[in-house]
């Protein structure tokens, strides 16, 4: 029996559609698998982001908890630097300071007087000032030079106090007026000293010494035992304008360690 044209088309179409069904199913399965893999990757990325966030949070917390005190063992010369106290004091405390730094000013007005009363004036601590003008404090370098020029007339610490009390008026033309207020008598000599820039190299050396100690900001303090020939062996670095109690503990611990060492040392007999 002959098939009609319509019947033949139906038969042909049916015969062609049968092999395509499995292929379409496979494609659908592959597409579904790809979707699952994409979702898995997205989930993995979300997990990684959460882990990174947690790590950042942990690091931030660690930075906040990081002690402002760290151990060092570095010897440096401070014989030519301005100081308060006795040169043979058991402990030397070196401040790296910047006359334009508000935190340095706060330390000078609030903590230094307590250190003077309890340690410097009692002969147990020598307090040394080193120059560390920060690069973004444009008026600080000349202010530090001015303090040393005043020091030539024995008015360093008076100028030190005056500059910190007038941090917003440290322009070059103001410095002679501050020197006069600090008690500098020979203003012509002071001006000649300031114009010469003779203390510029000293300030650069001080910056280099601070950098070798790992100091990046002000105020920072190197505290250690007093040696001979104006040396100090720094054993502790204290970062920032800390409270008096922080310095008190560091100094007392170093004093106690020194006393214990002296008691433990064998005494020599007569030959």
C-alpha atoms as a PDB file:
ATOM      1  CA  UNK A   1       0.000   0.000   0.000  1.00  0.00           C
ATOM      2  CA  UNK A   2       1.418   3.386  -0.969  1.00  0.00           C
ATOM      3  CA  UNK A   3       1.766   6.080   1.638  1.00  0.00           C
ATOM      4  CA  UNK A   4       0.315   9.457   1.009  1.00  0.00           C
ATOM      5  CA  UNK A   5       2.618  12.416   0.773  1.00  0.00           C
ATOM      6  CA  UNK A   6       1.414  13.654   4.174  1.00  0.00           C
ATOM      7  CA  UNK A   7       2.029  10.267   5.708  1.00  0.00           C
ATOM      8  CA  UNK A   8       5.515  10.121   4.331  1.00  0.00           C
ATOM      9  CA  UNK A   9       6.297  13.532   5.856  1.00  0.00           C
ATOM     10  CA  UNK A  10       4.973  12.377   9.202  1.00  0.00           C
ATOM     11  CA  UNK A  11       7.041   9.229   9.053  1.00  0.00           C
ATOM     12  CA  UNK A  12      10.152  11.118   8.008  1.00  0.00           C
ATOM     13  CA  UNK A  13       9.708  13.738  10.692  1.00  0.00           C
ATOM     14  CA  UNK A  14       9.157  11.136  13.334  1.00  0.00           C
ATOM     15  CA  UNK A  15      12.144   9.140  12.240  1.00  0.00           C
ATOM     16  CA  UNK A  16      14.380  12.270  12.393  1.00  0.00           C
ATOM     17  CA  UNK A  17      13.142  13.413  15.807  1.00  0.00           C
ATOM     18  CA  UNK A  18      13.893  10.216  17.621  1.00  0.00           C
ATOM     19  CA  UNK A  19      17.724  10.546  17.703  1.00  0.00           C
ATOM     20  CA  UNK A  20      17.569  14.264  18.867  1.00  0.00           C
ATOM     21  CA  UNK A  21      15.802  13.586  22.130  1.00  0.00           C
ATOM     22  CA  UNK A  22      18.854  12.145  23.956  1.00  0.00           C
ATOM     23  CA  UNK A  23      21.087  15.011  22.670  1.00  0.00           C
ATOM     24  CA  UNK A  24      18.739  17.673  23.988  1.00  0.00           C
ATOM     25  CA  UNK A  25      18.592  15.900  27.319  1.00  0.00           C
ATOM     26  CA  UNK A  26      22.387  15.809  27.469  1.00  0.00           C
ATOM     27  CA  UNK A  27      22.624  19.498  26.695  1.00  0.00           C
ATOM     28  CA  UNK A  28      20.121  20.274  29.389  1.00  0.00           C
ATOM     29  CA  UNK A  29      22.097  18.164  31.862  1.00  0.00           C
ATOM     30  CA  UNK A  30      25.346  19.891  30.898  1.00  0.00           C
ATOM     31  CA  UNK A  31      23.729  23.284  31.255  1.00  0.00           C
ATOM     32  CA  UNK A  32      22.422  22.334  34.672  1.00  0.00           C
ATOM     33  CA  UNK A  33      25.890  21.123  35.679  1.00  0.00           C
ATOM     34  CA  UNK A  34      27.462  24.375  34.493  1.00  0.00           C
ATOM     35  CA  UNK A  35      24.941  26.322  36.536  1.00  0.00           C
ATOM     36  CA  UNK A  36      25.851  24.280  39.604  1.00  0.00           C
ATOM     37  CA  UNK A  37      29.567  24.874  39.018  1.00  0.00           C
ATOM     38  CA  UNK A  38      28.992  28.616  38.598  1.00  0.00           C
ATOM     39  CA  UNK A  39      26.992  28.707  41.824  1.00  0.00           C
ATOM     40  CA  UNK A  40      29.743  26.739  43.539  1.00  0.00           C
ATOM     41  CA  UNK A  41      32.352  29.218  42.317  1.00  0.00           C
ATOM     42  CA  UNK A  42      30.236  32.119  43.519  1.00  0.00           C
ATOM     43  CA  UNK A  43      29.868  30.466  46.902  1.00  0.00           C
ATOM     44  CA  UNK A  44      33.639  29.931  47.034  1.00  0.00           C
ATOM     45  CA  UNK A  45      34.232  33.577  46.201  1.00  0.00           C
ATOM     46  CA  UNK A  46      31.831  34.655  48.935  1.00  0.00           C
ATOM     47  CA  UNK A  47      33.654  32.427  51.395  1.00  0.00           C
ATOM     48  CA  UNK A  48      37.016  33.892  50.359  1.00  0.00           C
ATOM     49  CA  UNK A  49      35.681  37.427  50.766  1.00  0.00           C
ATOM     50  CA  UNK A  50      34.425  36.557  54.236  1.00  0.00           C
ATOM     51  CA  UNK A  51      37.807  35.060  55.160  1.00  0.00           C
ATOM     52  CA  UNK A  52      39.657  38.142  53.880  1.00  0.00           C
ATOM     53  CA  UNK A  53      37.282  40.351  55.849  1.00  0.00           C
ATOM     54  CA  UNK A  54      37.913  38.306  58.993  1.00  0.00           C
ATOM     55  CA  UNK A  55      41.699  38.492  58.477  1.00  0.00           C
ATOM     56  CA  UNK A  56      41.565  42.261  58.009  1.00  0.00           C
ATOM     57  CA  UNK A  57      39.499  42.594  61.157  1.00  0.00           C
ATOM     58  CA  UNK A  58      41.999  40.458  63.080  1.00  0.00           C
ATOM     59  CA  UNK A  59      44.974  42.463  61.818  1.00  0.00           C
ATOM     60  CA  UNK A  60      43.230  45.706  62.718  1.00  0.00           C
ATOM     61  CA  UNK A  61      42.551  44.436  66.227  1.00  0.00           C
ATOM     62  CA  UNK A  62      46.176  43.336  66.573  1.00  0.00           C
ATOM     63  CA  UNK A  63      47.404  46.756  65.493  1.00  0.00           C
ATOM     64  CA  UNK A  64      45.155  48.385  68.054  1.00  0.00           C
ATOM     65  CA  UNK A  65      46.452  46.064  70.766  1.00  0.00           C
ATOM     66  CA  UNK A  66      50.081  46.435  69.699  1.00  0.00           C
ATOM     67  CA  UNK A  67      52.224  47.686  72.532  1.00  0.00           C
ATOM     68  CA  UNK A  68      53.800  51.127  72.118  1.00  0.00           C
ATOM     69  CA  UNK A  69      56.973  49.649  73.635  1.00  0.00           C
ATOM     70  CA  UNK A  70      59.484  47.476  71.816  1.00  0.00           C
ATOM     71  CA  UNK A  71      62.899  46.090  72.686  1.00  0.00           C
ATOM     72  CA  UNK A  72      66.104  47.242  70.992  1.00  0.00           C
ATOM     73  CA  UNK A  73      69.802  47.147  71.742  1.00  0.00           C
ATOM     74  CA  UNK A  74      71.463  50.067  70.001  1.00  0.00           C
ATOM     75  CA  UNK A  75      74.270  52.317  71.226  1.00  0.00           C
ATOM     76  CA  UNK A  76      74.370  55.925  70.083  1.00  0.00           C
ATOM     77  CA  UNK A  77      76.253  59.090  70.967  1.00  0.00           C
ATOM     78  CA  UNK A  78      74.353  61.960  72.576  1.00  0.00           C
ATOM     79  CA  UNK A  79      77.199  63.947  74.110  1.00  0.00           C
ATOM     80  CA  UNK A  80      76.597  67.014  71.925  1.00  0.00           C
ATOM     81  CA  UNK A  81      72.820  67.067  72.326  1.00  0.00           C
ATOM     82  CA  UNK A  82      70.868  69.315  74.731  1.00  0.00           C
ATOM     83  CA  UNK A  83      70.015  67.545  77.959  1.00  0.00           C
ATOM     84  CA  UNK A  84      68.521  67.905  81.410  1.00  0.00           C
ATOM     85  CA  UNK A  85      69.866  66.154  84.502  1.00  0.00           C
ATOM     86  CA  UNK A  86      73.169  64.546  85.388  1.00  0.00           C
ATOM     87  CA  UNK A  87      75.479  63.174  82.728  1.00  0.00           C
ATOM     88  CA  UNK A  88      76.235  60.178  84.978  1.00  0.00           C
ATOM     89  CA  UNK A  89      72.586  59.280  85.643  1.00  0.00           C
ATOM     90  CA  UNK A  90      71.949  55.546  85.515  1.00  0.00           C
ATOM     91  CA  UNK A  91      69.294  55.889  82.792  1.00  0.00           C
ATOM     92  CA  UNK A  92      69.234  58.109  79.707  1.00  0.00           C
ATOM     93  CA  UNK A  93      65.967  58.967  77.998  1.00  0.00           C
ATOM     94  CA  UNK A  94      66.240  60.366  74.465  1.00  0.00           C
ATOM     95  CA  UNK A  95      63.244  62.137  72.964  1.00  0.00           C
ATOM     96  CA  UNK A  96      63.031  62.448  69.171  1.00  0.00           C
ATOM     97  CA  UNK A  97      60.902  65.540  68.805  1.00  0.00           C
ATOM     98  CA  UNK A  98      59.372  67.965  66.281  1.00  0.00           C
ATOM     99  CA  UNK A  99      58.546  71.563  67.254  1.00  0.00           C
ATOM    100  CA  UNK A 100      55.495  71.539  64.973  1.00  0.00           C
ATOM    101  CA  UNK A 101      54.134  68.264  66.374  1.00  0.00           C
ATOM    102  CA  UNK A 102      51.088  68.825  68.642  1.00  0.00           C
ATOM    103  CA  UNK A 103      51.664  65.489  70.403  1.00  0.00           C
ATOM    104  CA  UNK A 104      55.229  66.554  71.232  1.00  0.00           C
ATOM    105  CA  UNK A 105      53.847  69.751  72.710  1.00  0.00           C
ATOM    106  CA  UNK A 106      51.383  67.760  74.811  1.00  0.00           C
ATOM    107  CA  UNK A 107      54.169  65.530  76.119  1.00  0.00           C
ATOM    108  CA  UNK A 108      56.307  68.575  76.943  1.00  0.00           C
ATOM    109  CA  UNK A 109      53.560  70.298  78.910  1.00  0.00           C
ATOM    110  CA  UNK A 110      51.999  67.323  80.691  1.00  0.00           C
ATOM    111  CA  UNK A 111      54.488  64.458  81.099  1.00  0.00           C
ATOM    112  CA  UNK A 112      57.952  66.021  81.045  1.00  0.00           C
ATOM    113  CA  UNK A 113      57.350  68.068  84.240  1.00  0.00           C
ATOM    114  CA  UNK A 114      56.507  64.837  86.099  1.00  0.00           C
ATOM    115  CA  UNK A 115      59.614  63.133  84.729  1.00  0.00           C
ATOM    116  CA  UNK A 116      61.688  66.114  85.816  1.00  0.00           C
ATOM    117  CA  UNK A 117      60.327  66.059  89.334  1.00  0.00           C
ATOM    118  CA  UNK A 118      60.599  62.310  89.950  1.00  0.00           C
ATOM    119  CA  UNK A 119      63.582  61.193  87.876  1.00  0.00           C
ATOM    120  CA  UNK A 120      65.603  63.997  86.279  1.00  0.00           C
ATOM    121  CA  UNK A 121      65.917  66.322  89.265  1.00  0.00           C
ATOM    122  CA  UNK A 122      66.665  63.345  91.531  1.00  0.00           C
ATOM    123  CA  UNK A 123      69.683  62.410  89.400  1.00  0.00           C
ATOM    124  CA  UNK A 124      68.396  59.051  88.174  1.00  0.00           C
ATOM    125  CA  UNK A 125      67.597  60.001  84.570  1.00  0.00           C
ATOM    126  CA  UNK A 126      69.371  62.158  82.011  1.00  0.00           C
ATOM    127  CA  UNK A 127      66.874  63.579  79.494  1.00  0.00           C
ATOM    128  CA  UNK A 128      68.211  64.252  75.982  1.00  0.00           C
ATOM    129  CA  UNK A 129      66.495  66.054  73.116  1.00  0.00           C
ATOM    130  CA  UNK A 130      67.120  64.945  69.503  1.00  0.00           C
ATOM    131  CA  UNK A 131      65.794  66.719  66.412  1.00  0.00           C
ATOM    132  CA  UNK A 132      63.291  64.818  64.285  1.00  0.00           C
ATOM    133  CA  UNK A 133      61.352  67.352  62.177  1.00  0.00           C
ATOM    134  CA  UNK A 134      58.834  65.487  60.045  1.00  0.00           C
ATOM    135  CA  UNK A 135      58.882  66.118  56.295  1.00  0.00           C
ATOM    136  CA  UNK A 136      55.372  67.601  56.188  1.00  0.00           C
ATOM    137  CA  UNK A 137      56.139  70.141  58.932  1.00  0.00           C
ATOM    138  CA  UNK A 138      57.819  72.733  56.747  1.00  0.00           C
ATOM    139  CA  UNK A 139      58.621  75.234  59.507  1.00  0.00           C
ATOM    140  CA  UNK A 140      60.071  72.666  61.910  1.00  0.00           C
ATOM    141  CA  UNK A 141      63.662  72.377  60.565  1.00  0.00           C
ATOM    142  CA  UNK A 142      64.413  76.092  61.019  1.00  0.00           C
ATOM    143  CA  UNK A 143      62.691  76.053  64.411  1.00  0.00           C
ATOM    144  CA  UNK A 144      65.073  73.281  65.489  1.00  0.00           C
ATOM    145  CA  UNK A 145      68.021  75.307  64.183  1.00  0.00           C
ATOM    146  CA  UNK A 146      66.742  78.317  66.131  1.00  0.00           C
ATOM    147  CA  UNK A 147      66.669  76.300  69.356  1.00  0.00           C
ATOM    148  CA  UNK A 148      70.326  75.338  68.891  1.00  0.00           C
ATOM    149  CA  UNK A 149      71.256  78.931  68.046  1.00  0.00           C
ATOM    150  CA  UNK A 150      69.597  80.010  71.301  1.00  0.00           C
ATOM    151  CA  UNK A 151      71.551  77.236  72.996  1.00  0.00           C
ATOM    152  CA  UNK A 152      74.783  79.002  72.053  1.00  0.00           C
ATOM    153  CA  UNK A 153      73.695  81.631  74.588  1.00  0.00           C
ATOM    154  CA  UNK A 154      72.583  79.003  77.143  1.00  0.00           C
ATOM    155  CA  UNK A 155      68.908  79.471  76.314  1.00  0.00           C
ATOM    156  CA  UNK A 156      68.124  76.180  74.571  1.00  0.00           C
ATOM    157  CA  UNK A 157      65.479  74.926  76.989  1.00  0.00           C
ATOM    158  CA  UNK A 158      63.895  78.363  77.309  1.00  0.00           C
ATOM    159  CA  UNK A 159      63.614  78.475  73.503  1.00  0.00           C
ATOM    160  CA  UNK A 160      62.351  74.879  73.524  1.00  0.00           C
ATOM    161  CA  UNK A 161      59.481  75.903  75.818  1.00  0.00           C
ATOM    162  CA  UNK A 162      58.778  79.065  73.846  1.00  0.00           C
ATOM    163  CA  UNK A 163      58.556  77.274  70.475  1.00  0.00           C
ATOM    164  CA  UNK A 164      56.193  74.614  71.790  1.00  0.00           C
ATOM    165  CA  UNK A 165      54.015  77.314  73.330  1.00  0.00           C
ATOM    166  CA  UNK A 166      53.769  79.078  69.959  1.00  0.00           C
ATOM    167  CA  UNK A 167      53.466  76.233  67.458  1.00  0.00           C
ATOM    168  CA  UNK A 168      51.226  78.237  65.115  1.00  0.00           C
ATOM    169  CA  UNK A 169      53.773  81.053  64.862  1.00  0.00           C
ATOM    170  CA  UNK A 170      56.978  79.337  63.767  1.00  0.00           C
ATOM    171  CA  UNK A 171      57.546  81.240  60.525  1.00  0.00           C
ATOM    172  CA  UNK A 172      61.124  82.286  59.928  1.00  0.00           C
ATOM    173  CA  UNK A 173      60.473  85.956  60.676  1.00  0.00           C
ATOM    174  CA  UNK A 174      58.954  85.055  64.052  1.00  0.00           C
ATOM    175  CA  UNK A 175      61.949  83.111  65.356  1.00  0.00           C
ATOM    176  CA  UNK A 176      64.053  86.123  66.473  1.00  0.00           C
ATOM    177  CA  UNK A 177      61.077  87.404  68.486  1.00  0.00           C
ATOM    178  CA  UNK A 178      60.763  84.025  70.173  1.00  0.00           C
ATOM    179  CA  UNK A 179      64.490  84.082  70.900  1.00  0.00           C
ATOM    180  CA  UNK A 180      64.193  87.502  72.507  1.00  0.00           C
ATOM    181  CA  UNK A 181      61.252  86.331  74.621  1.00  0.00           C
ATOM    182  CA  UNK A 182      63.299  83.280  75.642  1.00  0.00           C
ATOM    183  CA  UNK A 183      66.027  85.540  77.001  1.00  0.00           C
ATOM    184  CA  UNK A 184      68.553  85.526  74.149  1.00  0.00           C
ATOM    185  CA  UNK A 185      70.554  88.728  74.670  1.00  0.00           C
ATOM    186  CA  UNK A 186      72.669  88.958  71.517  1.00  0.00           C
ATOM    187  CA  UNK A 187      70.023  88.847  68.796  1.00  0.00           C
ATOM    188  CA  UNK A 188      72.516  89.776  66.071  1.00  0.00           C
ATOM    189  CA  UNK A 189      74.573  86.678  66.829  1.00  0.00           C
ATOM    190  CA  UNK A 190      71.416  84.591  67.003  1.00  0.00           C
ATOM    191  CA  UNK A 191      70.302  85.871  63.581  1.00  0.00           C
ATOM    192  CA  UNK A 192      73.733  85.225  62.072  1.00  0.00           C
ATOM    193  CA  UNK A 193      73.637  81.665  63.430  1.00  0.00           C
ATOM    194  CA  UNK A 194      70.157  81.094  62.027  1.00  0.00           C
ATOM    195  CA  UNK A 195      71.067  82.533  58.620  1.00  0.00           C
ATOM    196  CA  UNK A 196      74.181  80.358  58.373  1.00  0.00           C
ATOM    197  CA  UNK A 197      72.248  77.092  58.636  1.00  0.00           C
ATOM    198  CA  UNK A 198      75.153  75.707  60.672  1.00  0.00           C
ATOM    199  CA  UNK A 199      72.939  73.233  62.550  1.00  0.00           C
ATOM    200  CA  UNK A 200      71.340  71.757  59.436  1.00  0.00           C
ATOM    201  CA  UNK A 201      73.788  68.839  59.279  1.00  0.00           C
ATOM    202  CA  UNK A 202      73.264  68.049  62.961  1.00  0.00           C
ATOM    203  CA  UNK A 203      69.529  67.784  62.335  1.00  0.00           C
ATOM    204  CA  UNK A 204      70.149  65.448  59.384  1.00  0.00           C
ATOM    205  CA  UNK A 205      72.323  63.205  61.568  1.00  0.00           C
ATOM    206  CA  UNK A 206      69.626  63.115  64.217  1.00  0.00           C
ATOM    207  CA  UNK A 207      67.042  62.121  61.607  1.00  0.00           C
ATOM    208  CA  UNK A 208      69.353  59.357  60.383  1.00  0.00           C
ATOM    209  CA  UNK A 209      69.910  58.053  63.927  1.00  0.00           C
ATOM    210  CA  UNK A 210      66.173  57.974  64.542  1.00  0.00           C
ATOM    211  CA  UNK A 211      65.536  56.154  61.285  1.00  0.00           C
ATOM    212  CA  UNK A 212      68.100  53.488  62.222  1.00  0.00           C
ATOM    213  CA  UNK A 213      66.105  52.943  65.415  1.00  0.00           C
ATOM    214  CA  UNK A 214      62.957  52.434  63.360  1.00  0.00           C
ATOM    215  CA  UNK A 215      61.417  55.744  64.403  1.00  0.00           C
ATOM    216  CA  UNK A 216      58.808  57.047  61.970  1.00  0.00           C
ATOM    217  CA  UNK A 217      56.796  59.546  64.011  1.00  0.00           C
ATOM    218  CA  UNK A 218      57.048  61.948  66.909  1.00  0.00           C
ATOM    219  CA  UNK A 219      57.364  61.975  69.759  1.00  0.00           C
ATOM    220  CA  UNK A 220      59.364  58.771  70.087  1.00  0.00           C
ATOM    221  CA  UNK A 221      61.693  57.844  72.917  1.00  0.00           C
ATOM    222  CA  UNK A 222      64.805  55.712  73.187  1.00  0.00           C
ATOM    223  CA  UNK A 223      65.415  54.725  76.804  1.00  0.00           C
ATOM    224  CA  UNK A 224      68.404  52.796  78.089  1.00  0.00           C
ATOM    225  CA  UNK A 225      71.534  52.740  80.194  1.00  0.00           C
ATOM    226  CA  UNK A 226      74.036  55.579  80.314  1.00  0.00           C
ATOM    227  CA  UNK A 227      77.481  54.701  79.026  1.00  0.00           C
ATOM    228  CA  UNK A 228      80.794  56.482  78.970  1.00  0.00           C
ATOM    229  CA  UNK A 229      81.786  59.293  76.583  1.00  0.00           C
ATOM    230  CA  UNK A 230      78.221  60.543  76.293  1.00  0.00           C
ATOM    231  CA  UNK A 231      76.815  57.297  74.945  1.00  0.00           C
ATOM    232  CA  UNK A 232      73.532  55.580  75.679  1.00  0.00           C
ATOM    233  CA  UNK A 233      72.622  51.969  75.006  1.00  0.00           C
ATOM    234  CA  UNK A 234      68.953  52.153  74.073  1.00  0.00           C
ATOM    235  CA  UNK A 235      67.033  49.116  75.324  1.00  0.00           C
ATOM    236  CA  UNK A 236      63.440  50.288  74.862  1.00  0.00           C
ATOM    237  CA  UNK A 237      61.652  52.367  72.254  1.00  0.00           C
ATOM    238  CA  UNK A 238      58.403  54.037  73.300  1.00  0.00           C
ATOM    239  CA  UNK A 239      56.172  55.338  70.500  1.00  0.00           C
ATOM    240  CA  UNK A 240      53.880  58.306  70.861  1.00  0.00           C
ATOM    241  CA  UNK A 241      52.784  60.722  73.556  1.00  0.00           C
ATOM    242  CA  UNK A 242      52.122  58.085  76.197  1.00  0.00           C
ATOM    243  CA  UNK A 243      50.931  58.738  79.712  1.00  0.00           C
ATOM    244  CA  UNK A 244      53.356  59.221  82.567  1.00  0.00           C
ATOM    245  CA  UNK A 245      52.637  55.714  83.883  1.00  0.00           C
ATOM    246  CA  UNK A 246      54.054  54.110  80.716  1.00  0.00           C
ATOM    247  CA  UNK A 247      57.395  55.903  81.094  1.00  0.00           C
ATOM    248  CA  UNK A 248      57.387  55.312  84.825  1.00  0.00           C
ATOM    249  CA  UNK A 249      57.196  51.537  84.357  1.00  0.00           C
ATOM    250  CA  UNK A 250      59.897  51.454  81.677  1.00  0.00           C
ATOM    251  CA  UNK A 251      62.261  53.587  83.738  1.00  0.00           C
ATOM    252  CA  UNK A 252      61.600  51.733  87.003  1.00  0.00           C
ATOM    253  CA  UNK A 253      62.168  48.366  85.312  1.00  0.00           C
ATOM    254  CA  UNK A 254      65.480  49.536  83.852  1.00  0.00           C
ATOM    255  CA  UNK A 255      66.559  51.034  87.178  1.00  0.00           C
ATOM    256  CA  UNK A 256      65.676  47.800  88.986  1.00  0.00           C
ATOM    257  CA  UNK A 257      67.537  45.717  86.407  1.00  0.00           C
ATOM    258  CA  UNK A 258      70.593  47.930  86.816  1.00  0.00           C
ATOM    259  CA  UNK A 259      70.469  47.702  90.594  1.00  0.00           C
ATOM    260  CA  UNK A 260      70.119  43.919  90.414  1.00  0.00           C
ATOM    261  CA  UNK A 261      73.112  43.709  88.084  1.00  0.00           C
ATOM    262  CA  UNK A 262      75.266  45.777  90.416  1.00  0.00           C
ATOM    263  CA  UNK A 263      74.335  43.607  93.406  1.00  0.00           C
ATOM    264  CA  UNK A 264      75.060  40.406  91.482  1.00  0.00           C
ATOM    265  CA  UNK A 265      78.457  41.581  90.228  1.00  0.00           C
ATOM    266  CA  UNK A 266      81.373  40.044  92.203  1.00  0.00           C
ATOM    267  CA  UNK A 267      83.362  42.534  94.248  1.00  0.00           C
ATOM    268  CA  UNK A 268      87.095  42.679  93.597  1.00  0.00           C
ATOM    269  CA  UNK A 269      89.534  42.168  96.443  1.00  0.00           C
ATOM    270  CA  UNK A 270      92.812  43.874  97.158  1.00  0.00           C
ATOM    271  CA  UNK A 271      95.755  42.537  95.212  1.00  0.00           C
END
